[in-house]
Amino acid sequence: MEPLVAECDTTSGDSIEQLLKTSTCEQLQELLCGGWILNHYLMKPCPPNVAEWLFDIMCQHEDIHVVSCAYQALWAFLLAGSEVRNLSHRDIGS
Protein backbone atom coordinates (compact mmCIF):
# COMPACT_ATOMS: atom_id res chain seq x y z
CA MET A 1 0.00 0.00 0.00
CA GLU A 2 1.53 3.27 -1.14
CA PRO A 3 1.09 6.58 0.65
CA LEU A 4 -1.26 9.09 -0.91
CA VAL A 5 0.68 11.06 -3.49
CA ALA A 6 -1.33 13.94 -4.81
CA GLU A 7 -1.30 17.63 -5.37
CA CYS A 8 -3.39 18.72 -2.46
CA ASP A 9 -3.54 21.80 -0.33
CA THR A 10 -1.17 21.23 2.56
CA THR A 11 -2.74 24.16 4.38
CA SER A 12 -6.19 22.54 4.43
CA GLY A 13 -5.67 21.34 7.99
CA ASP A 14 -6.97 17.85 7.15
CA SER A 15 -5.04 15.69 9.61
CA ILE A 16 -6.02 12.38 8.00
CA GLU A 17 -4.93 13.56 4.55
CA GLN A 18 -1.56 14.55 6.01
CA LEU A 19 -1.24 11.09 7.60
CA LEU A 20 -2.09 9.42 4.30
CA LYS A 21 0.86 11.21 2.68
CA THR A 22 3.44 10.41 5.35
CA SER A 23 2.51 7.05 6.89
CA THR A 24 4.19 3.69 6.41
CA CYS A 25 2.34 0.83 4.70
CA GLU A 26 1.44 -0.67 8.08
CA GLN A 27 0.13 2.65 9.37
CA LEU A 28 -1.92 3.17 6.20
CA GLN A 29 -3.45 -0.27 6.59
CA GLU A 30 -4.40 0.54 10.19
CA LEU A 31 -5.94 3.88 9.14
CA LEU A 32 -8.01 2.14 6.48
CA CYS A 33 -8.94 -1.15 8.16
CA GLY A 34 -9.32 0.42 11.60
CA GLY A 35 -12.07 2.66 10.26
CA TRP A 36 -10.20 5.94 10.83
CA ILE A 37 -10.55 7.10 7.22
CA LEU A 38 -14.19 6.08 7.03
CA ASN A 39 -15.15 7.83 10.27
CA HIS A 40 -13.21 10.98 9.40
CA TYR A 41 -14.75 11.46 5.97
CA LEU A 42 -18.30 10.65 7.03
CA MET A 43 -18.13 13.93 8.95
CA LYS A 44 -16.95 15.96 5.94
CA PRO A 45 -16.63 15.43 2.19
CA CYS A 46 -13.94 13.00 1.08
CA PRO A 47 -11.44 14.80 -1.19
CA PRO A 48 -11.31 13.42 -4.74
CA ASN A 49 -7.64 12.46 -4.40
CA VAL A 50 -8.41 10.35 -1.31
CA ALA A 51 -11.34 8.65 -3.08
CA GLU A 52 -9.08 7.91 -6.05
CA TRP A 53 -6.42 6.51 -3.71
CA LEU A 54 -9.04 4.21 -2.11
CA PHE A 55 -10.22 3.09 -5.56
CA ASP A 56 -6.62 2.29 -6.56
CA ILE A 57 -6.21 0.19 -3.42
CA MET A 58 -9.46 -1.59 -4.17
CA CYS A 59 -8.27 -2.41 -7.69
CA GLN A 60 -4.64 -3.28 -7.04
CA HIS A 61 -4.04 -4.49 -3.48
CA GLU A 62 -3.40 -8.20 -2.98
CA ASP A 63 -4.86 -8.50 0.54
CA ILE A 64 -8.60 -9.15 0.27
CA HIS A 65 -9.23 -7.66 3.72
CA VAL A 66 -7.62 -4.36 2.69
CA VAL A 67 -9.58 -4.39 -0.58
CA SER A 68 -12.80 -4.99 1.36
CA CYS A 69 -12.04 -2.07 3.72
CA ALA A 70 -11.39 0.26 0.79
CA TYR A 71 -14.63 -0.88 -0.88
CA GLN A 72 -16.65 -0.40 2.32
CA ALA A 73 -15.28 3.12 2.79
CA LEU A 74 -16.02 4.14 -0.80
CA TRP A 75 -19.51 2.63 -0.64
CA ALA A 76 -20.27 4.43 2.63
CA PHE A 77 -19.10 7.74 1.11
CA LEU A 78 -21.32 7.16 -1.91
CA LEU A 79 -24.36 6.39 0.23
CA ALA A 80 -23.72 9.36 2.52
CA GLY A 81 -23.37 11.66 -0.48
CA SER A 82 -26.57 10.43 -2.08
CA GLU A 83 -28.50 10.88 1.19
CA VAL A 84 -27.30 14.48 1.43
CA ARG A 85 -28.34 15.13 -2.18
CA ASN A 86 -31.76 13.53 -1.63
CA LEU A 87 -32.36 15.65 1.45
CA SER A 88 -31.38 18.85 -0.33
CA HIS A 89 -33.70 18.04 -3.28
CA ARG A 90 -36.60 17.48 -0.86
CA ASP A 91 -35.93 20.87 0.76
CA ILE A 92 -36.00 22.58 -2.64
CA GLY A 93 -39.32 20.96 -3.55
CA SER A 94 -41.03 22.05 -0.30
C-alpha atoms as a PDB file:
ATOM      1  CA  MET A   1       0.000   0.000   0.000  1.00  0.00           C
ATOM      2  CA  GLU A   2       1.533   3.266  -1.136  1.00  0.00           C
ATOM      3  CA  PRO A   3       1.087   6.584   0.651  1.00  0.00           C
ATOM      4  CA  LEU A   4      -1.264   9.087  -0.908  1.00  0.00           C
ATOM      5  CA  VAL A   5       0.681  11.063  -3.488  1.00  0.00           C
ATOM      6  CA  ALA A   6      -1.331  13.938  -4.806  1.00  0.00           C
ATOM      7  CA  GLU A   7      -1.299  17.631  -5.374  1.00  0.00           C
ATOM      8  CA  CYS A   8      -3.390  18.724  -2.463  1.00  0.00           C
ATOM      9  CA  ASP A   9      -3.544  21.800  -0.331  1.00  0.00           C
ATOM     10  CA  THR A  10      -1.169  21.226   2.565  1.00  0.00           C
ATOM     11  CA  THR A  11      -2.740  24.160   4.383  1.00  0.00           C
ATOM     12  CA  SER A  12      -6.186  22.541   4.428  1.00  0.00           C
ATOM     13  CA  GLY A  13      -5.673  21.336   7.994  1.00  0.00           C
ATOM     14  CA  ASP A  14      -6.967  17.853   7.147  1.00  0.00           C
ATOM     15  CA  SER A  15      -5.039  15.690   9.608  1.00  0.00           C
ATOM     16  CA  ILE A  16      -6.023  12.375   7.996  1.00  0.00           C
ATOM     17  CA  GLU A  17      -4.931  13.560   4.554  1.00  0.00           C
ATOM     18  CA  GLN A  18      -1.562  14.555   6.010  1.00  0.00           C
ATOM     19  CA  LEU A  19      -1.239  11.093   7.603  1.00  0.00           C
ATOM     20  CA  LEU A  20      -2.092   9.419   4.300  1.00  0.00           C
ATOM     21  CA  LYS A  21       0.858  11.213   2.684  1.00  0.00           C
ATOM     22  CA  THR A  22       3.442  10.414   5.352  1.00  0.00           C
ATOM     23  CA  SER A  23       2.514   7.055   6.894  1.00  0.00           C
ATOM     24  CA  THR A  24       4.187   3.694   6.414  1.00  0.00           C
ATOM     25  CA  CYS A  25       2.337   0.833   4.703  1.00  0.00           C
ATOM     26  CA  GLU A  26       1.443  -0.674   8.080  1.00  0.00           C
ATOM     27  CA  GLN A  27       0.126   2.652   9.368  1.00  0.00           C
ATOM     28  CA  LEU A  28      -1.923   3.169   6.195  1.00  0.00           C
ATOM     29  CA  GLN A  29      -3.451  -0.273   6.589  1.00  0.00           C
ATOM     30  CA  GLU A  30      -4.405   0.542  10.192  1.00  0.00           C
ATOM     31  CA  LEU A  31      -5.936   3.883   9.140  1.00  0.00           C
ATOM     32  CA  LEU A  32      -8.008   2.136   6.480  1.00  0.00           C
ATOM     33  CA  CYS A  33      -8.939  -1.149   8.155  1.00  0.00           C
ATOM     34  CA  GLY A  34      -9.324   0.418  11.599  1.00  0.00           C
ATOM     35  CA  GLY A  35     -12.074   2.662  10.262  1.00  0.00           C
ATOM     36  CA  TRP A  36     -10.201   5.937  10.829  1.00  0.00           C
ATOM     37  CA  ILE A  37     -10.547   7.101   7.222  1.00  0.00           C
ATOM     38  CA  LEU A  38     -14.194   6.076   7.032  1.00  0.00           C
ATOM     39  CA  ASN A  39     -15.154   7.831  10.266  1.00  0.00           C
ATOM     40  CA  HIS A  40     -13.211  10.977   9.403  1.00  0.00           C
ATOM     41  CA  TYR A  41     -14.750  11.459   5.967  1.00  0.00           C
ATOM     42  CA  LEU A  42     -18.299  10.648   7.034  1.00  0.00           C
ATOM     43  CA  MET A  43     -18.130  13.933   8.953  1.00  0.00           C
ATOM     44  CA  LYS A  44     -16.945  15.957   5.944  1.00  0.00           C
ATOM     45  CA  PRO A  45     -16.628  15.432   2.185  1.00  0.00           C
ATOM     46  CA  CYS A  46     -13.939  13.002   1.079  1.00  0.00           C
ATOM     47  CA  PRO A  47     -11.440  14.804  -1.191  1.00  0.00           C
ATOM     48  CA  PRO A  48     -11.310  13.416  -4.739  1.00  0.00           C
ATOM     49  CA  ASN A  49      -7.637  12.457  -4.403  1.00  0.00           C
ATOM     50  CA  VAL A  50      -8.412  10.345  -1.310  1.00  0.00           C
ATOM     51  CA  ALA A  51     -11.341   8.650  -3.078  1.00  0.00           C
ATOM     52  CA  GLU A  52      -9.077   7.905  -6.052  1.00  0.00           C
ATOM     53  CA  TRP A  53      -6.420   6.505  -3.712  1.00  0.00           C
ATOM     54  CA  LEU A  54      -9.036   4.213  -2.112  1.00  0.00           C
ATOM     55  CA  PHE A  55     -10.216   3.092  -5.557  1.00  0.00           C
ATOM     56  CA  ASP A  56      -6.620   2.292  -6.564  1.00  0.00           C
ATOM     57  CA  ILE A  57      -6.214   0.195  -3.416  1.00  0.00           C
ATOM     58  CA  MET A  58      -9.464  -1.592  -4.169  1.00  0.00           C
ATOM     59  CA  CYS A  59      -8.268  -2.414  -7.689  1.00  0.00           C
ATOM     60  CA  GLN A  60      -4.639  -3.282  -7.040  1.00  0.00           C
ATOM     61  CA  HIS A  61      -4.040  -4.493  -3.484  1.00  0.00           C
ATOM     62  CA  GLU A  62      -3.401  -8.197  -2.979  1.00  0.00           C
ATOM     63  CA  ASP A  63      -4.863  -8.500   0.535  1.00  0.00           C
ATOM     64  CA  ILE A  64      -8.602  -9.154   0.269  1.00  0.00           C
ATOM     65  CA  HIS A  65      -9.230  -7.660   3.724  1.00  0.00           C
ATOM     66  CA  VAL A  66      -7.618  -4.360   2.693  1.00  0.00           C
ATOM     67  CA  VAL A  67      -9.578  -4.392  -0.579  1.00  0.00           C
ATOM     68  CA  SER A  68     -12.797  -4.989   1.358  1.00  0.00           C
ATOM     69  CA  CYS A  69     -12.041  -2.072   3.721  1.00  0.00           C
ATOM     70  CA  ALA A  70     -11.394   0.262   0.788  1.00  0.00           C
ATOM     71  CA  TYR A  71     -14.629  -0.880  -0.882  1.00  0.00           C
ATOM     72  CA  GLN A  72     -16.647  -0.405   2.316  1.00  0.00           C
ATOM     73  CA  ALA A  73     -15.276   3.115   2.789  1.00  0.00           C
ATOM     74  CA  LEU A  74     -16.021   4.140  -0.804  1.00  0.00           C
ATOM     75  CA  TRP A  75     -19.510   2.626  -0.643  1.00  0.00           C
ATOM     76  CA  ALA A  76     -20.271   4.429   2.627  1.00  0.00           C
ATOM     77  CA  PHE A  77     -19.098   7.738   1.114  1.00  0.00           C
ATOM     78  CA  LEU A  78     -21.316   7.157  -1.912  1.00  0.00           C
ATOM     79  CA  LEU A  79     -24.363   6.385   0.226  1.00  0.00           C
ATOM     80  CA  ALA A  80     -23.724   9.355   2.519  1.00  0.00           C
ATOM     81  CA  GLY A  81     -23.373  11.659  -0.479  1.00  0.00           C
ATOM     82  CA  SER A  82     -26.575  10.427  -2.076  1.00  0.00           C
ATOM     83  CA  GLU A  83     -28.502  10.884   1.189  1.00  0.00           C
ATOM     84  CA  VAL A  84     -27.304  14.484   1.434  1.00  0.00           C
ATOM     85  CA  ARG A  85     -28.339  15.135  -2.178  1.00  0.00           C
ATOM     86  CA  ASN A  86     -31.759  13.532  -1.632  1.00  0.00           C
ATOM     87  CA  LEU A  87     -32.357  15.651   1.446  1.00  0.00           C
ATOM     88  CA  SER A  88     -31.381  18.852  -0.327  1.00  0.00           C
ATOM     89  CA  HIS A  89     -33.705  18.039  -3.284  1.00  0.00           C
ATOM     90  CA  ARG A  90     -36.603  17.483  -0.864  1.00  0.00           C
ATOM     91  CA  ASP A  91     -35.933  20.868   0.759  1.00  0.00           C
ATOM     92  CA  ILE A  92     -36.002  22.576  -2.640  1.00  0.00           C
ATOM     93  CA  GLY A  93     -39.320  20.963  -3.548  1.00  0.00           C
ATOM     94  CA  SER A  94     -41.028  22.050  -0.302  1.00  0.00           C
END
